[in-house]
Amino acid sequence: MKVNNTCVGCGQCAAYCPYDAIIVFGRAGMNEKCIECGTCVRYCPVSAIAEE
C-alpha cells in the first residue's frame, strides 16, 4: 500500500486495520505487518491510500 500527500492523519485506516499494520504520525505509514488486504483503502475518507 502507498500513502499519498492527501493523507490528513485522521487515523481511520489504522482504526480499521485488522493486522495493526498502520502507524499514524503526521500521516499514515504501513509497517511490516501489512499484508495489503485493502481494508485501509476502503476506510480512508480522502482516498489517500492506494495499492502499489
N, C-alpha and C. Protein backbone atom coordinates (compact mmCIF):
# COMPACT_ATOMS: atom_id res chain seq x y z
N MET A 1 0.84 -1.17 0.00
CA MET A 1 0.00 0.00 0.00
C MET A 1 0.89 1.24 0.00
N LYS A 2 0.40 2.26 -0.64
CA LYS A 2 1.14 3.52 -0.72
C LYS A 2 0.23 4.65 -0.27
N VAL A 3 0.76 5.52 0.57
CA VAL A 3 0.02 6.68 1.08
C VAL A 3 0.50 7.92 0.35
N ASN A 4 -0.44 8.69 -0.21
CA ASN A 4 -0.04 9.90 -0.93
C ASN A 4 -0.18 11.13 -0.04
N ASN A 5 0.13 12.29 -0.58
CA ASN A 5 0.16 13.53 0.19
C ASN A 5 -1.20 14.06 0.63
N THR A 6 -2.29 13.45 0.18
CA THR A 6 -3.61 13.92 0.62
C THR A 6 -3.98 13.38 1.99
N CYS A 7 -3.17 12.50 2.56
CA CYS A 7 -3.42 11.96 3.90
C CYS A 7 -3.47 13.10 4.91
N VAL A 8 -4.53 13.11 5.71
CA VAL A 8 -4.70 14.15 6.72
C VAL A 8 -4.39 13.64 8.12
N GLY A 9 -3.97 12.38 8.24
CA GLY A 9 -3.59 11.82 9.53
C GLY A 9 -4.75 11.57 10.46
N CYS A 10 -5.93 11.31 9.92
CA CYS A 10 -7.13 11.13 10.75
C CYS A 10 -7.13 9.83 11.55
N GLY A 11 -6.42 8.82 11.08
CA GLY A 11 -6.33 7.56 11.79
C GLY A 11 -7.41 6.54 11.49
N GLN A 12 -8.32 6.85 10.57
CA GLN A 12 -9.38 5.90 10.22
C GLN A 12 -8.78 4.59 9.70
N CYS A 13 -7.78 4.69 8.88
CA CYS A 13 -7.15 3.48 8.32
C CYS A 13 -6.59 2.60 9.43
N ALA A 14 -5.92 3.20 10.39
CA ALA A 14 -5.34 2.46 11.50
C ALA A 14 -6.41 1.84 12.38
N ALA A 15 -7.50 2.55 12.57
CA ALA A 15 -8.58 2.05 13.42
C ALA A 15 -9.22 0.79 12.84
N TYR A 16 -9.27 0.68 11.53
CA TYR A 16 -9.92 -0.46 10.89
C TYR A 16 -8.96 -1.55 10.42
N CYS A 17 -7.68 -1.32 10.50
CA CYS A 17 -6.71 -2.31 10.03
C CYS A 17 -6.76 -3.56 10.92
N PRO A 18 -7.10 -4.73 10.34
CA PRO A 18 -7.20 -5.95 11.13
C PRO A 18 -5.84 -6.52 11.56
N TYR A 19 -4.76 -6.00 11.03
CA TYR A 19 -3.43 -6.51 11.33
C TYR A 19 -2.58 -5.54 12.14
N ASP A 20 -3.18 -4.42 12.55
CA ASP A 20 -2.45 -3.41 13.33
C ASP A 20 -1.16 -3.01 12.61
N ALA A 21 -1.29 -2.79 11.29
CA ALA A 21 -0.12 -2.57 10.45
C ALA A 21 0.08 -1.11 10.04
N ILE A 22 -0.70 -0.20 10.63
CA ILE A 22 -0.60 1.20 10.22
C ILE A 22 -0.22 2.07 11.41
N ILE A 23 0.76 2.91 11.20
CA ILE A 23 1.20 3.86 12.20
C ILE A 23 0.91 5.25 11.65
N VAL A 24 0.24 6.07 12.46
CA VAL A 24 -0.08 7.43 12.02
C VAL A 24 0.74 8.40 12.85
N PHE A 25 1.65 9.08 12.20
CA PHE A 25 2.48 10.11 12.83
C PHE A 25 2.57 11.24 11.82
N GLY A 26 1.63 12.15 11.88
CA GLY A 26 1.53 13.20 10.88
C GLY A 26 0.72 12.71 9.70
N ARG A 27 1.15 11.60 9.12
CA ARG A 27 0.37 10.92 8.10
C ARG A 27 0.61 9.42 8.24
N ALA A 28 -0.24 8.64 7.63
CA ALA A 28 -0.20 7.18 7.79
C ALA A 28 1.01 6.57 7.10
N GLY A 29 1.44 5.46 7.65
CA GLY A 29 2.50 4.66 7.05
C GLY A 29 2.32 3.21 7.46
N MET A 30 2.65 2.28 6.57
CA MET A 30 2.50 0.87 6.85
C MET A 30 3.78 0.29 7.41
N ASN A 31 3.62 -0.68 8.32
CA ASN A 31 4.80 -1.37 8.82
C ASN A 31 4.85 -2.77 8.21
N GLU A 32 5.76 -3.60 8.70
CA GLU A 32 5.99 -4.92 8.10
C GLU A 32 4.82 -5.89 8.28
N LYS A 33 3.85 -5.56 9.13
CA LYS A 33 2.69 -6.42 9.34
C LYS A 33 1.67 -6.32 8.20
N CYS A 34 1.80 -5.31 7.35
CA CYS A 34 0.84 -5.09 6.27
C CYS A 34 0.87 -6.24 5.27
N ILE A 35 -0.31 -6.84 5.02
CA ILE A 35 -0.42 -7.91 4.03
C ILE A 35 -1.17 -7.42 2.79
N GLU A 36 -1.40 -6.12 2.71
CA GLU A 36 -2.08 -5.47 1.59
C GLU A 36 -3.49 -6.04 1.36
N CYS A 37 -4.25 -6.13 2.45
CA CYS A 37 -5.62 -6.66 2.37
C CYS A 37 -6.60 -5.64 1.79
N GLY A 38 -6.25 -4.35 1.84
CA GLY A 38 -7.09 -3.31 1.25
C GLY A 38 -8.12 -2.69 2.18
N THR A 39 -8.18 -3.13 3.42
CA THR A 39 -9.16 -2.57 4.35
C THR A 39 -8.93 -1.07 4.53
N CYS A 40 -7.70 -0.65 4.64
CA CYS A 40 -7.39 0.76 4.82
C CYS A 40 -7.87 1.60 3.65
N VAL A 41 -7.76 1.06 2.45
CA VAL A 41 -8.19 1.77 1.25
C VAL A 41 -9.68 2.08 1.33
N ARG A 42 -10.47 1.11 1.77
CA ARG A 42 -11.93 1.28 1.85
C ARG A 42 -12.35 2.31 2.89
N TYR A 43 -11.58 2.45 3.98
CA TYR A 43 -11.98 3.34 5.06
C TYR A 43 -11.33 4.72 5.05
N CYS A 44 -10.42 4.98 4.13
CA CYS A 44 -9.78 6.30 4.06
C CYS A 44 -10.77 7.33 3.50
N PRO A 45 -11.12 8.36 4.29
CA PRO A 45 -12.11 9.33 3.85
C PRO A 45 -11.63 10.28 2.74
N VAL A 46 -10.31 10.34 2.52
CA VAL A 46 -9.79 11.25 1.50
C VAL A 46 -9.09 10.50 0.36
N SER A 47 -9.28 9.19 0.31
CA SER A 47 -8.69 8.34 -0.74
C SER A 47 -7.17 8.53 -0.87
N ALA A 48 -6.49 8.56 0.25
CA ALA A 48 -5.05 8.80 0.26
C ALA A 48 -4.23 7.53 0.15
N ILE A 49 -4.88 6.37 0.22
CA ILE A 49 -4.15 5.10 0.19
C ILE A 49 -4.53 4.33 -1.07
N ALA A 50 -3.52 3.80 -1.73
CA ALA A 50 -3.76 3.02 -2.94
C ALA A 50 -2.86 1.80 -2.96
N GLU A 51 -3.28 0.79 -3.68
CA GLU A 51 -2.43 -0.38 -3.86
C GLU A 51 -1.30 -0.01 -4.79
N GLU A 52 -0.12 -0.53 -4.50
CA GLU A 52 1.04 -0.21 -5.34
C GLU A 52 1.01 -0.98 -6.62
